């Protein structure tokens, strides 16, 4: 009998606009490749960038928040695995899954630690230096960690985030599983077809305009870094791509200064392959930065910050340079842009990183092994997770009755 996976999405995946959308598509394709029947359910509305999941063999389901129709839906489906896309979704639907599909393995796809990203953003706004103590005491951290405990396992994309959960909060290791973004490592023939150093020109950056770290990064480029680069490279240009870019970013468009805000680009791979260097002065955020991986996958070296490269390279050299100081960042960008030898060595480092940490085939094999082990010892696994059982009893009961109160209120208003 074919096994079933239900993915409950925070939003409908947009792999062409966000790294999170790309990550979700990777997971869906992995489960399809394992032979599962896959359903994707979501309460959000689709957008013009939403991927048609039915085209890849995934059944699409629209669900409602705080509605008992979901209970009948999941009980009838009887999934073997339920994957929650981010902790907010687990908060909304976790108790219903536990009650009406108790046999299902519950997996949390974190994308990144939202609490870490939020705590860092607040530190920047308050003009203070961030430390992990601020994250540990943040209200969002309590919610996110409770969700991790309530699930059978949580998928972590970043080795840094995996480490701080283990070392700072002492979360049991068997509740966490490091599964970085799963990338197709370019073959040697494809690498040989990449445009050379001489055939590429200009700088590039991209990102979804709804993601605060991206907007902040573009602002830093425009106001602080690009003027320094432009002094040293008068004819250079930078091209900024992304969906949902806000008005303040669109108004930065200034061709006379070589600063081009080009908006959404359908063929981003081509734009990356024709660019010489990617710039990503990321001040805050969490997880794995998809733009940096896409740059590696297209042979484009990058200059980023320590937060940008966080959890991505272990002890391996970076695919370019890592700099937090604005002036040093600009100087490293110019050096990388002008020095062919350094540029080619950086490109090679990017390929090494993809092979070492992000190889799709290796990571999919590790995911299969994880699921097999959970299936064989799910009862024992859950018995060992006392805090998880405690939270299921306490927190989810309160969530359940709040949801039922909202249901009753909606019926009365209807």
Protein backbone atom coordinates (compact mmCIF):
# COMPACT_ATOMS: atom_id res chain seq x y z
CA UNK A 1 0.00 0.00 0.00
CA UNK A 2 1.34 3.42 -0.97
CA UNK A 3 2.26 5.65 1.96
CA UNK A 4 0.97 9.20 2.22
CA UNK A 5 2.57 12.50 3.20
CA UNK A 6 0.53 15.57 4.08
CA UNK A 7 2.39 18.88 4.01
CA UNK A 8 0.57 21.76 5.69
CA UNK A 9 1.94 24.95 4.20
CA UNK A 10 2.28 28.41 5.68
CA UNK A 11 1.92 29.75 2.13
CA UNK A 12 1.77 28.21 -1.34
CA UNK A 13 5.38 27.64 -2.45
CA UNK A 14 7.00 30.31 -4.64
CA UNK A 15 10.33 28.69 -5.64
CA UNK A 16 11.02 31.45 -8.19
CA UNK A 17 10.85 34.22 -5.56
CA UNK A 18 12.01 32.79 -2.22
CA UNK A 19 14.54 30.34 -0.83
CA UNK A 20 11.76 29.02 1.43
CA UNK A 21 9.68 28.22 -1.66
CA UNK A 22 12.66 26.46 -3.20
CA UNK A 23 13.21 24.48 -0.01
CA UNK A 24 9.58 23.37 0.06
CA UNK A 25 9.72 22.25 -3.58
CA UNK A 26 12.86 20.23 -2.75
CA UNK A 27 11.03 18.45 0.07
CA UNK A 28 7.95 17.73 -2.05
CA UNK A 29 10.06 16.33 -4.87
CA UNK A 30 12.05 14.23 -2.39
CA UNK A 31 8.90 12.59 -0.98
CA UNK A 32 7.59 11.97 -4.49
CA UNK A 33 10.92 10.37 -5.34
CA UNK A 34 10.62 8.13 -2.25
CA UNK A 35 7.32 6.80 -3.64
CA UNK A 36 4.89 8.61 -1.34
CA UNK A 37 1.54 10.04 -2.37
CA UNK A 38 1.92 13.72 -1.49
CA UNK A 39 -0.79 16.24 -0.60
CA UNK A 40 -0.12 19.91 0.08
CA UNK A 41 -2.74 21.76 2.13
CA UNK A 42 -2.78 25.49 2.82
CA UNK A 43 -5.18 28.11 4.16
CA UNK A 44 -3.47 31.02 2.35
CA UNK A 45 -4.40 32.40 -1.07
CA UNK A 46 -2.26 31.70 -4.11
CA UNK A 47 -0.28 34.43 -5.88
CA UNK A 48 0.93 34.92 -9.44
CA UNK A 49 4.25 33.32 -8.41
CA UNK A 50 2.75 30.22 -6.72
CA UNK A 51 4.01 26.95 -8.15
CA UNK A 52 1.39 24.65 -9.69
CA UNK A 53 1.99 21.60 -7.52
CA UNK A 54 -0.44 19.42 -9.43
CA UNK A 55 1.96 19.62 -12.39
CA UNK A 56 4.55 17.64 -10.40
CA UNK A 57 2.05 15.11 -9.04
CA UNK A 58 1.18 16.75 -5.70
CA UNK A 59 -2.49 16.96 -4.73
CA UNK A 60 -3.51 20.48 -3.73
CA UNK A 61 -5.96 21.02 -0.86
CA UNK A 62 -7.42 24.28 0.43
CA UNK A 63 -8.08 24.19 4.18
CA UNK A 64 -9.54 26.62 6.71
CA UNK A 65 -8.21 27.79 10.06
CA UNK A 66 -10.23 26.97 13.16
CA UNK A 67 -12.63 24.79 11.21
CA UNK A 68 -13.59 21.20 12.10
CA UNK A 69 -13.64 20.31 8.38
CA UNK A 70 -9.88 19.76 8.72
CA UNK A 71 -10.49 17.04 11.32
CA UNK A 72 -12.58 14.99 8.92
CA UNK A 73 -10.14 15.68 6.09
CA UNK A 74 -7.06 14.38 7.89
CA UNK A 75 -8.88 11.47 9.52
CA UNK A 76 -10.05 10.36 6.08
CA UNK A 77 -6.59 10.88 4.54
CA UNK A 78 -4.84 8.89 7.28
CA UNK A 79 -1.33 10.17 6.44
CA UNK A 80 1.81 8.32 7.46
CA UNK A 81 3.70 11.61 7.76
CA UNK A 82 2.54 15.17 8.41
CA UNK A 83 5.06 17.93 7.72
CA UNK A 84 4.34 21.37 9.18
CA UNK A 85 5.83 24.23 7.21
CA UNK A 86 7.08 26.47 10.04
CA UNK A 87 6.13 26.53 13.70
CA UNK A 88 3.11 28.84 13.27
CA UNK A 89 1.43 26.14 11.20
CA UNK A 90 2.16 23.52 13.86
CA UNK A 91 0.59 25.80 16.45
CA UNK A 92 -2.56 26.07 14.34
CA UNK A 93 -2.94 22.46 13.22
CA UNK A 94 -0.68 20.37 15.47
CA UNK A 95 -3.32 19.45 18.05
CA UNK A 96 -5.75 18.44 15.31
CA UNK A 97 -3.11 16.19 13.73
CA UNK A 98 -2.24 14.65 17.10
CA UNK A 99 -5.92 13.95 17.82
CA UNK A 100 -7.18 12.81 14.42
CA UNK A 101 -4.02 11.26 12.91
CA UNK A 102 -2.04 10.09 15.95
CA UNK A 103 -0.24 7.43 13.89
CA UNK A 104 1.41 10.04 11.65
CA UNK A 105 5.04 11.02 12.14
CA UNK A 106 5.01 14.77 12.85
CA UNK A 107 7.86 16.68 11.20
CA UNK A 108 8.52 20.40 11.62
CA UNK A 109 10.21 22.15 8.70
CA UNK A 110 11.75 25.18 10.41
CA UNK A 111 13.09 26.97 7.27
CA UNK A 112 15.08 29.02 9.79
CA UNK A 113 14.75 29.92 13.44
CA UNK A 114 12.23 32.74 13.16
CA UNK A 115 12.93 33.77 16.74
CA UNK A 116 16.65 34.20 16.00
CA UNK A 117 15.93 36.32 12.95
CA UNK A 118 13.45 38.49 14.91
CA UNK A 119 15.76 38.97 17.90
CA UNK A 120 18.60 40.03 15.59
CA UNK A 121 16.34 42.45 13.73
CA UNK A 122 15.18 44.05 16.98
CA UNK A 123 18.79 44.45 18.17
CA UNK A 124 19.64 46.27 14.92
CA UNK A 125 16.63 48.59 15.29
CA UNK A 126 17.51 49.30 18.92
CA UNK A 127 21.14 50.01 18.02
CA UNK A 128 22.56 47.38 20.36
CA UNK A 129 24.92 44.49 19.78
CA UNK A 130 23.12 41.17 19.49
CA UNK A 131 23.87 38.25 21.80
CA UNK A 132 22.27 34.84 22.19
CA UNK A 133 20.87 35.82 25.59
CA UNK A 134 18.44 38.15 23.81
CA UNK A 135 17.31 35.24 21.66
CA UNK A 136 16.93 32.83 24.58
CA UNK A 137 14.60 35.22 26.41
CA UNK A 138 12.58 36.33 23.37
CA UNK A 139 8.84 35.40 23.53
CA UNK A 140 8.98 33.99 20.00
CA UNK A 141 11.72 31.59 21.08
CA UNK A 142 9.43 30.04 23.67
CA UNK A 143 6.76 29.41 21.04
CA UNK A 144 9.22 28.03 18.51
CA UNK A 145 10.95 25.69 20.96
CA UNK A 146 7.61 24.42 22.25
CA UNK A 147 6.71 23.52 18.67
CA UNK A 148 10.01 21.66 18.24
CA UNK A 149 9.31 19.60 21.35
CA UNK A 150 5.76 18.77 20.23
CA UNK A 151 7.01 17.30 16.94
CA UNK A 152 8.79 14.00 16.46
CA UNK A 153 11.66 15.69 14.62
CA UNK A 154 12.50 19.15 13.30
CA UNK A 155 14.44 19.79 10.11
CA UNK A 156 17.22 22.37 10.55
CA UNK A 157 18.87 23.93 7.51
CA UNK A 158 21.73 25.60 9.35
CA UNK A 159 24.51 23.88 11.34
CA UNK A 160 24.77 27.05 13.46
CA UNK A 161 21.11 26.86 14.47
CA UNK A 162 21.41 23.13 15.13
CA UNK A 163 24.38 23.82 17.43
CA UNK A 164 22.75 26.61 19.47
CA UNK A 165 19.64 24.49 20.07
CA UNK A 166 21.82 21.66 21.35
CA UNK A 167 24.33 23.74 23.30
CA UNK A 168 22.29 26.70 24.55
CA UNK A 169 18.89 25.06 25.14
CA UNK A 170 19.97 21.41 25.51
CA UNK A 171 17.27 20.09 23.22
CA UNK A 172 17.61 16.30 22.79
CA UNK A 173 19.59 15.53 19.65
CA UNK A 174 17.07 12.95 18.44
CA UNK A 175 14.47 15.74 18.05
CA UNK A 176 16.65 17.62 15.56
CA UNK A 177 17.90 16.70 12.12
CA UNK A 178 20.24 18.86 10.04
CA UNK A 179 18.96 18.90 6.46
CA UNK A 180 20.43 21.84 4.50
CA UNK A 181 18.99 23.01 1.19
CA UNK A 182 19.26 20.14 -1.26
CA UNK A 183 21.01 21.32 -4.43
CA UNK A 184 21.90 19.79 -7.76
CA UNK A 185 25.69 19.90 -7.79
CA UNK A 186 26.82 21.11 -11.24
CA UNK A 187 28.48 18.43 -13.35
CA UNK A 188 31.93 19.04 -14.86
CA UNK A 189 30.47 19.56 -18.38
CA UNK A 190 28.08 22.17 -16.99
CA UNK A 191 30.91 23.88 -15.11
CA UNK A 192 32.97 23.99 -18.31
CA UNK A 193 30.06 25.72 -20.07
CA UNK A 194 29.89 28.56 -17.53
CA UNK A 195 30.85 31.99 -18.88
CA UNK A 196 34.45 32.82 -18.03
CA UNK A 197 35.75 35.68 -15.89
CA UNK A 198 36.20 37.82 -19.02
CA UNK A 199 32.72 37.02 -20.33
CA UNK A 200 31.01 38.23 -17.16
CA UNK A 201 30.44 41.78 -16.01
CA UNK A 202 28.82 43.80 -13.25
CA UNK A 203 27.62 42.99 -9.75
CA UNK A 204 24.32 41.38 -8.79
CA UNK A 205 22.08 40.83 -5.79
CA UNK A 206 18.53 39.56 -5.43
CA UNK A 207 15.87 38.72 -2.89
CA UNK A 208 12.20 38.81 -2.07
CA UNK A 209 11.06 42.30 -1.06
CA UNK A 210 8.76 40.95 1.64
CA UNK A 211 11.78 39.63 3.55
CA UNK A 212 13.12 42.39 5.83
CA UNK A 213 16.81 41.28 5.74
CA UNK A 214 16.78 41.62 1.94
CA UNK A 215 15.42 45.17 1.98
CA UNK A 216 17.90 46.16 4.69
CA UNK A 217 20.76 44.65 2.65
CA UNK A 218 19.79 46.61 -0.48
CA UNK A 219 19.59 49.82 1.54
CA UNK A 220 23.13 49.25 2.89
CA UNK A 221 24.37 48.62 -0.64
CA UNK A 222 22.83 51.82 -1.97
CA UNK A 223 23.80 54.15 0.86
CA UNK A 224 27.14 52.84 2.10
CA UNK A 225 28.83 50.20 -0.06
CA UNK A 226 28.01 51.03 -3.66
CA UNK A 227 29.40 54.63 -3.47
CA UNK A 228 32.74 53.16 -2.30
CA UNK A 229 32.79 50.58 -5.10
CA UNK A 230 31.78 53.16 -7.70
CA UNK A 231 34.75 55.37 -6.82
CA UNK A 232 37.13 52.51 -7.55
CA UNK A 233 35.19 51.06 -10.52
CA UNK A 234 33.55 54.04 -12.28
CA UNK A 235 32.00 51.99 -15.10
CA UNK A 236 30.68 49.15 -12.92
CA UNK A 237 26.99 48.46 -12.45
CA UNK A 238 24.96 46.55 -9.91
CA UNK A 239 21.67 44.91 -10.83
CA UNK A 240 19.04 44.18 -8.15
CA UNK A 241 16.38 41.53 -8.85
CA UNK A 242 13.44 40.33 -6.80
CA UNK A 243 9.68 40.01 -6.53
CA UNK A 244 7.62 42.27 -4.26
CA UNK A 245 10.30 44.97 -4.06
CA UNK A 246 8.80 47.85 -2.02
CA UNK A 247 8.50 51.40 -3.31
CA UNK A 248 11.49 52.58 -1.30
CA UNK A 249 13.70 50.05 -3.11
CA UNK A 250 12.24 50.83 -6.54
CA UNK A 251 13.01 54.51 -5.96
CA UNK A 252 16.71 53.63 -5.51
CA UNK A 253 16.93 52.89 -9.24
CA UNK A 254 19.60 55.25 -10.62
CA UNK A 255 21.28 54.19 -13.89
CA UNK A 256 23.55 57.25 -13.82
CA UNK A 257 25.15 55.85 -10.68
CA UNK A 258 25.15 52.31 -12.08
CA UNK A 259 22.51 51.23 -9.55
CA UNK A 260 19.82 49.28 -11.43
CA UNK A 261 16.66 48.03 -9.68
CA UNK A 262 15.37 45.58 -12.27
CA UNK A 263 12.60 43.79 -10.34
CA UNK A 264 11.60 40.18 -10.81
CA UNK A 265 13.68 38.12 -13.25
CA UNK A 266 12.27 34.86 -14.59
CA UNK A 267 15.66 33.50 -15.68
CA UNK A 268 17.73 34.24 -12.62
CA UNK A 269 20.26 31.51 -13.44
CA UNK A 270 21.17 33.34 -16.66
CA UNK A 271 21.49 36.66 -14.85
CA UNK A 272 23.79 35.05 -12.26
CA UNK A 273 25.95 33.33 -14.87
CA UNK A 274 26.46 36.62 -16.69
CA UNK A 275 27.40 38.49 -13.50
CA UNK A 276 30.87 38.50 -12.03
CA UNK A 277 30.22 38.98 -8.30
CA UNK A 278 27.19 38.76 -6.00
CA UNK A 279 26.96 41.18 -3.07
CA UNK A 280 24.98 40.37 0.09
CA UNK A 281 25.74 42.67 3.08
CA UNK A 282 23.22 40.90 5.34
CA UNK A 283 22.94 42.45 8.83
CA UNK A 284 20.39 40.12 10.35
CA UNK A 285 18.51 36.96 9.52
CA UNK A 286 18.75 33.23 10.10
CA UNK A 287 18.87 29.93 8.26
CA UNK A 288 20.63 29.40 4.94
CA UNK A 289 20.79 32.25 2.42
CA UNK A 290 19.43 30.90 -0.84
CA UNK A 291 20.97 33.68 -2.92
CA UNK A 292 24.46 32.61 -1.88
CA UNK A 293 23.80 28.99 -2.82
CA UNK A 294 22.28 29.98 -6.16
CA UNK A 295 25.39 32.05 -6.83
CA UNK A 296 27.61 29.02 -6.16
CA UNK A 297 25.43 26.84 -8.36
CA UNK A 298 26.00 29.27 -11.23
CA UNK A 299 29.71 29.81 -10.65
CA UNK A 300 29.36 33.35 -9.28
CA UNK A 301 31.61 34.24 -6.31
CA UNK A 302 30.11 36.39 -3.56
CA UNK A 303 30.98 38.88 -0.86
CA UNK A 304 28.80 38.63 2.24
CA UNK A 305 28.82 39.08 6.01
CA UNK A 306 29.40 36.57 8.80
CA UNK A 307 25.63 36.29 9.26
CA UNK A 308 25.21 35.80 5.51
CA UNK A 309 27.63 32.86 5.46
CA UNK A 310 26.55 31.51 8.85
CA UNK A 311 26.10 27.75 9.05
CA UNK A 312 27.05 27.28 5.39
CA UNK A 313 30.74 26.48 5.08
CA UNK A 314 32.11 24.72 8.18
CA UNK A 315 35.92 24.86 7.99
CA UNK A 316 35.93 25.24 4.20
CA UNK A 317 37.02 28.50 2.53
CA UNK A 318 34.21 30.78 1.39
CA UNK A 319 33.09 31.30 -2.19
CA UNK A 320 34.64 34.79 -2.20
CA UNK A 321 34.98 36.95 0.92
CA UNK A 322 33.26 37.42 4.30
CA UNK A 323 33.41 40.98 5.66
CA UNK A 324 31.31 42.90 8.20
CA UNK A 325 33.04 46.28 7.94
CA UNK A 326 31.48 48.34 5.13
CA UNK A 327 34.73 49.76 3.74
CA UNK A 328 36.48 46.38 3.86
CA UNK A 329 33.42 44.83 2.21
CA UNK A 330 33.65 47.28 -0.70
CA UNK A 331 37.40 46.74 -1.07
CA UNK A 332 37.03 42.95 -1.10
CA UNK A 333 34.28 43.25 -3.70
CA UNK A 334 36.54 45.32 -5.95
CA UNK A 335 39.47 42.92 -5.49
CA UNK A 336 37.30 39.94 -6.35
CA UNK A 337 35.90 41.77 -9.37
CA UNK A 338 39.35 42.65 -10.74
CA UNK A 339 41.52 39.69 -9.76
CA UNK A 340 40.95 36.77 -12.14
CA UNK A 341 43.07 34.32 -10.12
CA UNK A 342 41.25 35.11 -6.87
CA UNK A 343 37.90 34.97 -8.68
CA UNK A 344 38.56 31.54 -10.22
CA UNK A 345 39.79 30.16 -6.89
CA UNK A 346 36.62 31.49 -5.21
CA UNK A 347 34.47 29.84 -7.87
CA UNK A 348 36.18 26.51 -7.12
CA UNK A 349 35.51 26.98 -3.40
CA UNK A 350 31.80 27.36 -4.18
CA UNK A 351 31.73 24.03 -6.01
CA UNK A 352 33.53 22.39 -3.08
CA UNK A 353 30.92 23.76 -0.65
CA UNK A 354 28.04 22.45 -2.75
CA UNK A 355 29.61 18.98 -2.88
CA UNK A 356 30.47 18.91 0.83
CA UNK A 357 27.26 20.23 2.38
CA UNK A 358 24.41 20.60 -0.11
CA UNK A 359 24.52 17.55 -2.39
CA UNK A 360 20.91 16.60 -3.13
CA UNK A 361 21.52 12.85 -3.50
CA UNK A 362 23.40 12.51 -0.19
CA UNK A 363 20.87 14.60 1.73
CA UNK A 364 17.87 12.74 0.33
CA UNK A 365 19.46 9.45 1.40
CA UNK A 366 19.89 10.78 4.94
CA UNK A 367 16.22 11.90 4.99
CA UNK A 368 15.05 8.42 3.95
CA UNK A 369 17.15 6.85 6.71
CA UNK A 370 15.68 9.28 9.27
CA UNK A 371 12.10 8.39 8.32
CA UNK A 372 12.83 4.66 8.32
CA UNK A 373 14.26 4.87 11.83
CA UNK A 374 11.31 6.90 13.12
CA UNK A 375 8.81 4.46 11.63
CA UNK A 376 10.48 1.53 13.38
CA UNK A 377 10.58 3.13 16.85
CA UNK A 378 7.97 5.90 16.93
CA UNK A 379 6.32 4.76 20.18
CA UNK A 380 9.66 4.54 22.02
CA UNK A 381 10.79 7.84 20.45
CA UNK A 382 7.72 9.62 21.80
CA UNK A 383 7.97 8.01 25.23
CA UNK A 384 11.48 9.42 25.59
CA UNK A 385 10.24 12.94 24.75
CA UNK A 386 8.63 13.71 28.10
CA UNK A 387 8.59 17.49 27.61
CA UNK A 388 6.93 17.00 24.25
CA UNK A 389 4.18 14.89 25.81
CA UNK A 390 3.77 17.46 28.58
CA UNK A 391 3.38 20.25 26.03
CA UNK A 392 0.92 18.21 23.99
CA UNK A 393 -1.17 17.81 27.14
CA UNK A 394 -0.98 21.41 28.36
CA UNK A 395 -0.31 23.84 25.51
CA UNK A 396 -2.26 22.09 22.80
CA UNK A 397 -5.27 21.60 25.03
CA UNK A 398 -5.44 25.36 25.51
CA UNK A 399 -4.95 25.88 21.76
CA UNK A 400 -7.66 23.31 21.07
CA UNK A 401 -10.26 25.01 23.24
CA UNK A 402 -9.38 28.44 21.91
CA UNK A 403 -9.87 27.08 18.37
CA UNK A 404 -13.20 25.54 19.34
CA UNK A 405 -14.29 28.87 20.84
CA UNK A 406 -13.44 30.58 17.55
CA UNK A 407 -15.34 27.87 15.65
CA UNK A 408 -18.42 28.45 17.78
CA UNK A 409 -18.11 32.21 17.38
CA UNK A 410 -17.84 31.87 13.59
CA UNK A 411 -20.92 29.64 13.48
CA UNK A 412 -22.89 32.13 15.57
CA UNK A 413 -21.87 35.02 13.29
CA UNK A 414 -22.71 32.96 10.20
